[in-house]
Amino acid sequence: MKKRSKSEKAVSDNPEWTMEMIAKARPAKEVLPKIFGARIAATMLKPRGRPKSPESKVAISLRLSPDTLARWKATGPGWQTRMANVLRESV
């Protein structure tokens, strides 16, 4: 039996869509619960990543002296947030 090339496989495994196929297509929100069940489909359709913060931050580059940075870091985890709070209060 002759082995099919990758391009032949791609064509037979993924045929070009017809207008009829497009008309029958349904959004994943409708189809996934029928295929996997409602509970599993709900987890599949959740947005990924960290939720958007109501107070978004802006990334900047800030040059500090090594001793200043070392003192902030020595205060432990969350030093960036504490630094931001001190800057916010001073404005």
C-alpha atoms as a PDB file:
ATOM      1  CA  MET A   1       0.000   0.000   0.000  1.00  0.00           C
ATOM      2  CA  LYS A   2       1.378   3.367  -1.041  1.00  0.00           C
ATOM      3  CA  LYS A   3       2.016   5.855   1.773  1.00  0.00           C
ATOM      4  CA  ARG A   4       0.162   9.163   1.319  1.00  0.00           C
ATOM      5  CA  SER A   5       2.154  12.383   1.309  1.00  0.00           C
ATOM      6  CA  LYS A   6       1.466  15.063   3.920  1.00  0.00           C
ATOM      7  CA  SER A   7      -0.279  17.267   1.372  1.00  0.00           C
ATOM      8  CA  GLU A   8      -2.585  14.396   0.322  1.00  0.00           C
ATOM      9  CA  LYS A   9      -3.435  13.708   3.968  1.00  0.00           C
ATOM     10  CA  ALA A  10      -4.169  17.381   4.609  1.00  0.00           C
ATOM     11  CA  VAL A  11      -6.604  17.514   1.701  1.00  0.00           C
ATOM     12  CA  SER A  12      -8.448  14.301   2.573  1.00  0.00           C
ATOM     13  CA  ASP A  13      -8.492  14.909   6.345  1.00  0.00           C
ATOM     14  CA  ASN A  14      -9.526  18.538   5.997  1.00  0.00           C
ATOM     15  CA  PRO A  15     -11.655  19.000   2.879  1.00  0.00           C
ATOM     16  CA  GLU A  16     -12.525  22.443   1.576  1.00  0.00           C
ATOM     17  CA  TRP A  17     -15.774  23.702   3.074  1.00  0.00           C
ATOM     18  CA  THR A  18     -18.861  23.972   0.893  1.00  0.00           C
ATOM     19  CA  MET A  19     -21.590  26.589   1.325  1.00  0.00           C
ATOM     20  CA  GLU A  20     -23.803  23.848   2.790  1.00  0.00           C
ATOM     21  CA  MET A  21     -21.171  23.007   5.435  1.00  0.00           C
ATOM     22  CA  ILE A  22     -20.790  26.693   6.312  1.00  0.00           C
ATOM     23  CA  ALA A  23     -24.563  27.071   6.682  1.00  0.00           C
ATOM     24  CA  LYS A  24     -24.696  24.073   9.075  1.00  0.00           C
ATOM     25  CA  ALA A  25     -21.761  25.285  11.204  1.00  0.00           C
ATOM     26  CA  ARG A  26     -22.555  26.271  14.810  1.00  0.00           C
ATOM     27  CA  PRO A  27     -20.565  28.249  17.401  1.00  0.00           C
ATOM     28  CA  ALA A  28     -18.511  26.278  19.922  1.00  0.00           C
ATOM     29  CA  LYS A  29     -20.781  27.549  22.734  1.00  0.00           C
ATOM     30  CA  GLU A  30     -23.639  25.525  21.212  1.00  0.00           C
ATOM     31  CA  VAL A  31     -21.718  22.427  20.148  1.00  0.00           C
ATOM     32  CA  LEU A  32     -19.298  21.720  23.012  1.00  0.00           C
ATOM     33  CA  PRO A  33     -21.948  21.045  25.707  1.00  0.00           C
ATOM     34  CA  LYS A  34     -23.546  18.433  23.429  1.00  0.00           C
ATOM     35  CA  ILE A  35     -20.205  16.740  22.772  1.00  0.00           C
ATOM     36  CA  PHE A  36     -18.508  16.928  26.204  1.00  0.00           C
ATOM     37  CA  GLY A  37     -21.323  17.675  28.639  1.00  0.00           C
ATOM     38  CA  ALA A  38     -22.230  21.041  30.113  1.00  0.00           C
ATOM     39  CA  ARG A  39     -19.773  21.015  33.048  1.00  0.00           C
ATOM     40  CA  ILE A  40     -16.678  20.198  30.982  1.00  0.00           C
ATOM     41  CA  ALA A  41     -17.724  22.507  28.140  1.00  0.00           C
ATOM     42  CA  ALA A  42     -18.125  25.403  30.577  1.00  0.00           C
ATOM     43  CA  THR A  43     -14.506  25.040  31.696  1.00  0.00           C
ATOM     44  CA  MET A  44     -13.364  24.845  28.061  1.00  0.00           C
ATOM     45  CA  LEU A  45     -15.153  28.082  27.156  1.00  0.00           C
ATOM     46  CA  LYS A  46     -13.859  30.160  30.090  1.00  0.00           C
ATOM     47  CA  PRO A  47     -11.595  33.043  29.146  1.00  0.00           C
ATOM     48  CA  ARG A  48      -7.957  32.154  29.767  1.00  0.00           C
ATOM     49  CA  GLY A  49      -5.388  34.106  31.702  1.00  0.00           C
ATOM     50  CA  ARG A  50      -5.521  36.602  34.517  1.00  0.00           C
ATOM     51  CA  PRO A  51      -8.741  38.642  34.860  1.00  0.00           C
ATOM     52  CA  LYS A  52      -8.509  42.270  33.775  1.00  0.00           C
ATOM     53  CA  SER A  53      -7.758  44.619  36.657  1.00  0.00           C
ATOM     54  CA  PRO A  54     -10.104  47.567  37.150  1.00  0.00           C
ATOM     55  CA  GLU A  55      -6.981  49.652  37.796  1.00  0.00           C
ATOM     56  CA  SER A  56      -4.563  48.782  35.007  1.00  0.00           C
ATOM     57  CA  LYS A  57      -0.881  49.533  35.407  1.00  0.00           C
ATOM     58  CA  VAL A  58       1.637  51.003  32.964  1.00  0.00           C
ATOM     59  CA  ALA A  59       5.064  49.435  32.525  1.00  0.00           C
ATOM     60  CA  ILE A  60       7.991  51.842  32.827  1.00  0.00           C
ATOM     61  CA  SER A  61      11.746  51.688  33.184  1.00  0.00           C
ATOM     62  CA  LEU A  62      13.113  53.285  36.348  1.00  0.00           C
ATOM     63  CA  ARG A  63      16.770  53.587  37.297  1.00  0.00           C
ATOM     64  CA  LEU A  64      17.448  53.424  41.041  1.00  0.00           C
ATOM     65  CA  SER A  65      20.664  53.307  43.012  1.00  0.00           C
ATOM     66  CA  PRO A  66      21.616  49.765  44.055  1.00  0.00           C
ATOM     67  CA  ASP A  67      21.347  50.545  47.783  1.00  0.00           C
ATOM     68  CA  THR A  68      17.817  51.990  47.373  1.00  0.00           C
ATOM     69  CA  LEU A  69      16.663  48.946  45.436  1.00  0.00           C
ATOM     70  CA  ALA A  70      18.292  46.580  47.931  1.00  0.00           C
ATOM     71  CA  ARG A  71      16.452  48.248  50.824  1.00  0.00           C
ATOM     72  CA  TRP A  72      13.091  47.931  49.069  1.00  0.00           C
ATOM     73  CA  LYS A  73      13.740  44.274  48.178  1.00  0.00           C
ATOM     74  CA  ALA A  74      14.802  43.576  51.779  1.00  0.00           C
ATOM     75  CA  THR A  75      11.255  44.415  52.906  1.00  0.00           C
ATOM     76  CA  GLY A  76      10.145  41.107  51.381  1.00  0.00           C
ATOM     77  CA  PRO A  77       7.601  39.984  48.796  1.00  0.00           C
ATOM     78  CA  GLY A  78       5.293  42.724  47.557  1.00  0.00           C
ATOM     79  CA  TRP A  79       7.972  45.407  47.624  1.00  0.00           C
ATOM     80  CA  GLN A  80       6.921  46.687  44.186  1.00  0.00           C
ATOM     81  CA  THR A  81       3.346  47.261  45.391  1.00  0.00           C
ATOM     82  CA  ARG A  82       4.571  49.017  48.543  1.00  0.00           C
ATOM     83  CA  MET A  83       6.857  51.208  46.454  1.00  0.00           C
ATOM     84  CA  ALA A  84       3.959  52.099  44.135  1.00  0.00           C
ATOM     85  CA  ASN A  85       1.802  53.004  47.163  1.00  0.00           C
ATOM     86  CA  VAL A  86       4.506  55.302  48.593  1.00  0.00           C
ATOM     87  CA  LEU A  87       4.885  57.004  45.201  1.00  0.00           C
ATOM     88  CA  ARG A  88       1.091  57.384  44.882  1.00  0.00           C
ATOM     89  CA  GLU A  89       0.835  58.959  48.364  1.00  0.00           C
ATOM     90  CA  SER A  90       3.650  61.407  47.649  1.00  0.00           C
ATOM     91  CA  VAL A  91       2.014  62.804  44.517  1.00  0.00           C
END
